[in-house]
Amino acid sequence: MIEFTVSDMTCGHCASTITKAVKEVDAAARCEIDLATKKVRIESAEDAAEFQAAIDDAGYTPVRT
């Protein structure tokens, strides 16, 4: 399980954009987003750095936890 804290994720639109970025890296990835805690959890065999770069490219600031 890969987990990021994304402090600048504030709403459903943000969550949707981040989910889309995750799916572009791995369409089969399972992505759980908790807006209350600003956590993004990803279940995938892909490298965490790829997801971090994709979320960053989408305009957010993911921090690996």
PDB file of N, CA and C in Angstrom:
ATOM      1  N   MET A   1       0.852  -1.184   0.000  1.00  0.00           N
ATOM      2  CA  MET A   1       0.000   0.000   0.000  1.00  0.00           C
ATOM      3  C   MET A   1       0.894   1.243   0.000  1.00  0.00           C
ATOM      4  N   ILE A   2       0.616   2.135  -0.909  1.00  0.00           N
ATOM      5  CA  ILE A   2       1.342   3.401  -1.017  1.00  0.00           C
ATOM      6  C   ILE A   2       0.433   4.472  -0.419  1.00  0.00           C
ATOM      7  N   GLU A   3       0.984   5.331   0.420  1.00  0.00           N
ATOM      8  CA  GLU A   3       0.156   6.367   1.040  1.00  0.00           C
ATOM      9  C   GLU A   3       0.834   7.723   0.935  1.00  0.00           C
ATOM     10  N   PHE A   4       0.023   8.715   0.572  1.00  0.00           N
ATOM     11  CA  PHE A   4       0.479  10.097   0.504  1.00  0.00           C
ATOM     12  C   PHE A   4      -0.446  10.964   1.333  1.00  0.00           C
ATOM     13  N   THR A   5       0.104  12.025   1.903  1.00  0.00           N
ATOM     14  CA  THR A   5      -0.694  13.099   2.464  1.00  0.00           C
ATOM     15  C   THR A   5      -0.658  14.212   1.431  1.00  0.00           C
ATOM     16  N   VAL A   6      -1.847  14.694   1.055  1.00  0.00           N
ATOM     17  CA  VAL A   6      -1.942  15.757   0.050  1.00  0.00           C
ATOM     18  C   VAL A   6      -2.678  16.921   0.720  1.00  0.00           C
ATOM     19  N   SER A   7      -1.921  17.791   1.365  1.00  0.00           N
ATOM     20  CA  SER A   7      -2.498  18.869   2.173  1.00  0.00           C
ATOM     21  C   SER A   7      -3.325  19.853   1.359  1.00  0.00           C
ATOM     22  N   ASP A   8      -3.013  20.008   0.077  1.00  0.00           N
ATOM     23  CA  ASP A   8      -3.763  20.962  -0.740  1.00  0.00           C
ATOM     24  C   ASP A   8      -4.949  20.321  -1.466  1.00  0.00           C
ATOM     25  N   MET A   9      -5.338  19.120  -1.083  1.00  0.00           N
ATOM     26  CA  MET A   9      -6.550  18.454  -1.589  1.00  0.00           C
ATOM     27  C   MET A   9      -7.702  18.880  -0.672  1.00  0.00           C
ATOM     28  N   THR A  10      -8.654  19.625  -1.215  1.00  0.00           N
ATOM     29  CA  THR A  10      -9.682  20.217  -0.347  1.00  0.00           C
ATOM     30  C   THR A  10     -11.119  19.832  -0.670  1.00  0.00           C
ATOM     31  N   CYS A  11     -11.360  19.226  -1.832  1.00  0.00           N
ATOM     32  CA  CYS A  11     -12.760  18.987  -2.208  1.00  0.00           C
ATOM     33  C   CYS A  11     -12.890  17.743  -3.105  1.00  0.00           C
ATOM     34  N   GLY A  12     -14.096  17.453  -3.469  1.00  0.00           N
ATOM     35  CA  GLY A  12     -14.372  16.317  -4.338  1.00  0.00           C
ATOM     36  C   GLY A  12     -13.720  16.445  -5.703  1.00  0.00           C
ATOM     37  N   HIS A  13     -13.647  17.652  -6.215  1.00  0.00           N
ATOM     38  CA  HIS A  13     -12.998  17.859  -7.516  1.00  0.00           C
ATOM     39  C   HIS A  13     -11.512  17.511  -7.423  1.00  0.00           C
ATOM     40  N   CYS A  14     -10.884  17.926  -6.332  1.00  0.00           N
ATOM     41  CA  CYS A  14      -9.472  17.583  -6.111  1.00  0.00           C
ATOM     42  C   CYS A  14      -9.307  16.063  -6.083  1.00  0.00           C
ATOM     43  N   ALA A  15     -10.171  15.396  -5.338  1.00  0.00           N
ATOM     44  CA  ALA A  15     -10.112  13.937  -5.217  1.00  0.00           C
ATOM     45  C   ALA A  15     -10.273  13.275  -6.583  1.00  0.00           C
ATOM     46  N   SER A  16     -11.190  13.785  -7.385  1.00  0.00           N
ATOM     47  CA  SER A  16     -11.426  13.245  -8.717  1.00  0.00           C
ATOM     48  C   SER A  16     -10.199  13.429  -9.615  1.00  0.00           C
ATOM     49  N   THR A  17      -9.582  14.590  -9.543  1.00  0.00           N
ATOM     50  CA  THR A  17      -8.395  14.880 -10.353  1.00  0.00           C
ATOM     51  C   THR A  17      -7.239  13.970  -9.951  1.00  0.00           C
ATOM     52  N   ILE A  18      -7.064  13.754  -8.655  1.00  0.00           N
ATOM     53  CA  ILE A  18      -5.987  12.891  -8.165  1.00  0.00           C
ATOM     54  C   ILE A  18      -6.249  11.438  -8.565  1.00  0.00           C
ATOM     55  N   THR A  19      -7.498  10.999  -8.455  1.00  0.00           N
ATOM     56  CA  THR A  19      -7.850   9.634  -8.866  1.00  0.00           C
ATOM     57  C   THR A  19      -7.534   9.433 -10.344  1.00  0.00           C
ATOM     58  N   LYS A  20      -7.870  10.414 -11.161  1.00  0.00           N
ATOM     59  CA  LYS A  20      -7.601  10.333 -12.596  1.00  0.00           C
ATOM     60  C   LYS A  20      -6.095  10.231 -12.856  1.00  0.00           C
ATOM     61  N   ALA A  21      -5.302  11.013 -12.118  1.00  0.00           N
ATOM     62  CA  ALA A  21      -3.845  10.972 -12.275  1.00  0.00           C
ATOM     63  C   ALA A  21      -3.295   9.602 -11.898  1.00  0.00           C
ATOM     64  N   VAL A  22      -3.828   9.023 -10.833  1.00  0.00           N
ATOM     65  CA  VAL A  22      -3.405   7.683 -10.393  1.00  0.00           C
ATOM     66  C   VAL A  22      -3.735   6.653 -11.468  1.00  0.00           C
ATOM     67  N   LYS A  23      -4.941   6.727 -12.014  1.00  0.00           N
ATOM     68  CA  LYS A  23      -5.374   5.760 -13.024  1.00  0.00           C
ATOM     69  C   LYS A  23      -4.579   5.882 -14.324  1.00  0.00           C
ATOM     70  N   GLU A  24      -4.018   7.059 -14.597  1.00  0.00           N
ATOM     71  CA  GLU A  24      -3.184   7.219 -15.788  1.00  0.00           C
ATOM     72  C   GLU A  24      -1.867   6.461 -15.636  1.00  0.00           C
ATOM     73  N   VAL A  25      -1.398   6.306 -14.401  1.00  0.00           N
ATOM     74  CA  VAL A  25      -0.185   5.533 -14.145  1.00  0.00           C
ATOM     75  C   VAL A  25      -0.495   4.044 -14.189  1.00  0.00           C
ATOM     76  N   ASP A  26      -1.602   3.650 -13.542  1.00  0.00           N
ATOM     77  CA  ASP A  26      -1.993   2.241 -13.482  1.00  0.00           C
ATOM     78  C   ASP A  26      -3.514   2.169 -13.467  1.00  0.00           C
ATOM     79  N   ALA A  27      -4.096   1.805 -14.599  1.00  0.00           N
ATOM     80  CA  ALA A  27      -5.553   1.759 -14.725  1.00  0.00           C
ATOM     81  C   ALA A  27      -6.185   0.763 -13.760  1.00  0.00           C
ATOM     82  N   ALA A  28      -5.420  -0.244 -13.338  1.00  0.00           N
ATOM     83  CA  ALA A  28      -5.954  -1.271 -12.443  1.00  0.00           C
ATOM     84  C   ALA A  28      -5.727  -0.941 -10.966  1.00  0.00           C
ATOM     85  N   ALA A  29      -5.094   0.185 -10.678  1.00  0.00           N
ATOM     86  CA  ALA A  29      -4.793   0.549  -9.287  1.00  0.00           C
ATOM     87  C   ALA A  29      -6.071   0.794  -8.496  1.00  0.00           C
ATOM     88  N   ARG A  30      -6.025   0.414  -7.219  1.00  0.00           N
ATOM     89  CA  ARG A  30      -7.126   0.737  -6.318  1.00  0.00           C
ATOM     90  C   ARG A  30      -6.721   1.997  -5.564  1.00  0.00           C
ATOM     91  N   CYS A  31      -7.566   3.020  -5.633  1.00  0.00           N
ATOM     92  CA  CYS A  31      -7.243   4.317  -5.048  1.00  0.00           C
ATOM     93  C   CYS A  31      -8.324   4.693  -4.039  1.00  0.00           C
ATOM     94  N   GLU A  32      -7.910   4.908  -2.794  1.00  0.00           N
ATOM     95  CA  GLU A  32      -8.828   5.348  -1.740  1.00  0.00           C
ATOM     96  C   GLU A  32      -8.419   6.753  -1.321  1.00  0.00           C
ATOM     97  N   ILE A  33      -9.403   7.642  -1.261  1.00  0.00           N
ATOM     98  CA  ILE A  33      -9.117   9.018  -0.869  1.00  0.00           C
ATOM     99  C   ILE A  33      -9.968   9.373   0.336  1.00  0.00           C
ATOM    100  N   ASP A  34      -9.311   9.927   1.347  1.00  0.00           N
ATOM    101  CA  ASP A  34      -9.999  10.386   2.552  1.00  0.00           C
ATOM    102  C   ASP A  34      -9.783  11.891   2.657  1.00  0.00           C
ATOM    103  N   LEU A  35     -10.801  12.653   2.274  1.00  0.00           N
ATOM    104  CA  LEU A  35     -10.674  14.111   2.289  1.00  0.00           C
ATOM    105  C   LEU A  35     -10.467  14.653   3.699  1.00  0.00           C
ATOM    106  N   ALA A  36     -11.101  14.043   4.683  1.00  0.00           N
ATOM    107  CA  ALA A  36     -11.013  14.530   6.060  1.00  0.00           C
ATOM    108  C   ALA A  36      -9.572  14.512   6.577  1.00  0.00           C
ATOM    109  N   THR A  37      -8.831  13.450   6.243  1.00  0.00           N
ATOM    110  CA  THR A  37      -7.443  13.335   6.709  1.00  0.00           C
ATOM    111  C   THR A  37      -6.436  13.711   5.621  1.00  0.00           C
ATOM    112  N   LYS A  38      -6.947  14.011   4.417  1.00  0.00           N
ATOM    113  CA  LYS A  38      -6.126  14.387   3.260  1.00  0.00           C
ATOM    114  C   LYS A  38      -5.151  13.277   2.857  1.00  0.00           C
ATOM    115  N   LYS A  39      -5.617  12.022   2.996  1.00  0.00           N
ATOM    116  CA  LYS A  39      -4.801  10.856   2.662  1.00  0.00           C
ATOM    117  C   LYS A  39      -5.226  10.266   1.324  1.00  0.00           C
ATOM    118  N   VAL A  40      -4.246   9.843   0.562  1.00  0.00           N
ATOM    119  CA  VAL A  40      -4.463   9.110  -0.683  1.00  0.00           C
ATOM    120  C   VAL A  40      -3.751   7.778  -0.507  1.00  0.00           C
ATOM    121  N   ARG A  41      -4.505   6.685  -0.588  1.00  0.00           N
ATOM    122  CA  ARG A  41      -3.927   5.339  -0.464  1.00  0.00           C
ATOM    123  C   ARG A  41      -4.093   4.629  -1.804  1.00  0.00           C
ATOM    124  N   ILE A  42      -3.006   4.065  -2.269  1.00  0.00           N
ATOM    125  CA  ILE A  42      -2.997   3.423  -3.584  1.00  0.00           C
ATOM    126  C   ILE A  42      -2.489   2.004  -3.438  1.00  0.00           C
ATOM    127  N   GLU A  43      -3.250   1.071  -3.997  1.00  0.00           N
ATOM    128  CA  GLU A  43      -2.821  -0.320  -4.030  1.00  0.00           C
ATOM    129  C   GLU A  43      -2.456  -0.640  -5.471  1.00  0.00           C
ATOM    130  N   SER A  44      -1.145  -0.845  -5.698  1.00  0.00           N
ATOM    131  CA  SER A  44      -0.647  -1.088  -7.047  1.00  0.00           C
ATOM    132  C   SER A  44       0.760  -1.650  -6.962  1.00  0.00           C
ATOM    133  N   ALA A  45       1.158  -2.333  -8.012  1.00  0.00           N
ATOM    134  CA  ALA A  45       2.525  -2.853  -8.100  1.00  0.00           C
ATOM    135  C   ALA A  45       3.479  -1.809  -8.692  1.00  0.00           C
ATOM    136  N   GLU A  46       2.938  -0.719  -9.185  1.00  0.00           N
ATOM    137  CA  GLU A  46       3.780   0.333  -9.771  1.00  0.00           C
ATOM    138  C   GLU A  46       4.578   1.047  -8.684  1.00  0.00           C
ATOM    139  N   ASP A  47       5.622   1.739  -9.091  1.00  0.00           N
ATOM    140  CA  ASP A  47       6.502   2.441  -8.166  1.00  0.00           C
ATOM    141  C   ASP A  47       5.827   3.694  -7.599  1.00  0.00           C
ATOM    142  N   ALA A  48       6.014   3.925  -6.310  1.00  0.00           N
ATOM    143  CA  ALA A  48       5.411   5.085  -5.634  1.00  0.00           C
ATOM    144  C   ALA A  48       5.833   6.398  -6.273  1.00  0.00           C
ATOM    145  N   ALA A  49       7.072   6.469  -6.742  1.00  0.00           N
ATOM    146  CA  ALA A  49       7.569   7.707  -7.352  1.00  0.00           C
ATOM    147  C   ALA A  49       6.764   8.093  -8.589  1.00  0.00           C
ATOM    148  N   GLU A  50       6.271   7.100  -9.334  1.00  0.00           N
ATOM    149  CA  GLU A  50       5.464   7.391 -10.518  1.00  0.00           C
ATOM    150  C   GLU A  50       4.136   8.039 -10.121  1.00  0.00           C
ATOM    151  N   PHE A  51       3.527   7.524  -9.055  1.00  0.00           N
ATOM    152  CA  PHE A  51       2.275   8.110  -8.583  1.00  0.00           C
ATOM    153  C   PHE A  51       2.513   9.510  -8.021  1.00  0.00           C
ATOM    154  N   GLN A  52       3.610   9.657  -7.296  1.00  0.00           N
ATOM    155  CA  GLN A  52       3.927  10.968  -6.717  1.00  0.00           C
ATOM    156  C   GLN A  52       4.105  11.995  -7.833  1.00  0.00           C
ATOM    157  N   ALA A  53       4.816  11.634  -8.886  1.00  0.00           N
ATOM    158  CA  ALA A  53       5.034  12.536 -10.022  1.00  0.00           C
ATOM    159  C   ALA A  53       3.724  12.868 -10.720  1.00  0.00           C
ATOM    160  N   ALA A  54       2.848  11.875 -10.885  1.00  0.00           N
ATOM    161  CA  ALA A  54       1.565  12.100 -11.561  1.00  0.00           C
ATOM    162  C   ALA A  54       0.673  13.044 -10.759  1.00  0.00           C
ATOM    163  N   ILE A  55       0.643  12.861  -9.437  1.00  0.00           N
ATOM    164  CA  ILE A  55      -0.172  13.737  -8.583  1.00  0.00           C
ATOM    165  C   ILE A  55       0.413  15.144  -8.588  1.00  0.00           C
ATOM    166  N   ASP A  56       1.727  15.235  -8.558  1.00  0.00           N
ATOM    167  CA  ASP A  56       2.403  16.531  -8.628  1.00  0.00           C
ATOM    168  C   ASP A  56       2.091  17.227  -9.956  1.00  0.00           C
ATOM    169  N   ASP A  57       2.140  16.479 -11.055  1.00  0.00           N
ATOM    170  CA  ASP A  57       1.827  17.029 -12.379  1.00  0.00           C
ATOM    171  C   ASP A  57       0.385  17.510 -12.467  1.00  0.00           C
ATOM    172  N   ALA A  58      -0.493  16.905 -11.662  1.00  0.00           N
ATOM    173  CA  ALA A  58      -1.907  17.310 -11.655  1.00  0.00           C
ATOM    174  C   ALA A  58      -2.108  18.593 -10.847  1.00  0.00           C
ATOM    175  N   GLY A  59      -1.049  19.077 -10.190  1.00  0.00           N
ATOM    176  CA  GLY A  59      -1.123  20.355  -9.501  1.00  0.00           C
ATOM    177  C   GLY A  59      -1.216  20.269  -7.977  1.00  0.00           C
ATOM    178  N   TYR A  60      -0.897  19.105  -7.441  1.00  0.00           N
ATOM    179  CA  TYR A  60      -0.998  18.916  -5.980  1.00  0.00           C
ATOM    180  C   TYR A  60       0.378  18.585  -5.410  1.00  0.00           C
ATOM    181  N   THR A  61       0.470  18.571  -4.094  1.00  0.00           N
ATOM    182  CA  THR A  61       1.741  18.377  -3.411  1.00  0.00           C
ATOM    183  C   THR A  61       1.678  17.120  -2.540  1.00  0.00           C
ATOM    184  N   PRO A  62       1.925  15.952  -3.135  1.00  0.00           N
ATOM    185  CA  PRO A  62       1.879  14.713  -2.352  1.00  0.00           C
ATOM    186  C   PRO A  62       3.143  14.506  -1.527  1.00  0.00           C
ATOM    187  N   VAL A  63       2.970  14.087  -0.283  1.00  0.00           N
ATOM    188  CA  VAL A  63       4.087  13.767   0.590  1.00  0.00           C
ATOM    189  C   VAL A  63       3.927  12.325   1.015  1.00  0.00           C
ATOM    190  N   ARG A  64       4.913  11.513   0.738  1.00  0.00           N
ATOM    191  CA  ARG A  64       4.838  10.074   1.070  1.00  0.00           C
ATOM    192  C   ARG A  64       4.810   9.904   2.583  1.00  0.00           C
ATOM    193  N   THR A  65       3.896   9.063   3.067  1.00  0.00           N
ATOM    194  CA  THR A  65       3.802   8.817   4.512  1.00  0.00           C
ATOM    195  C   THR A  65       4.040   7.358   4.821  1.00  0.00           C
TER     196      THR A  65
END
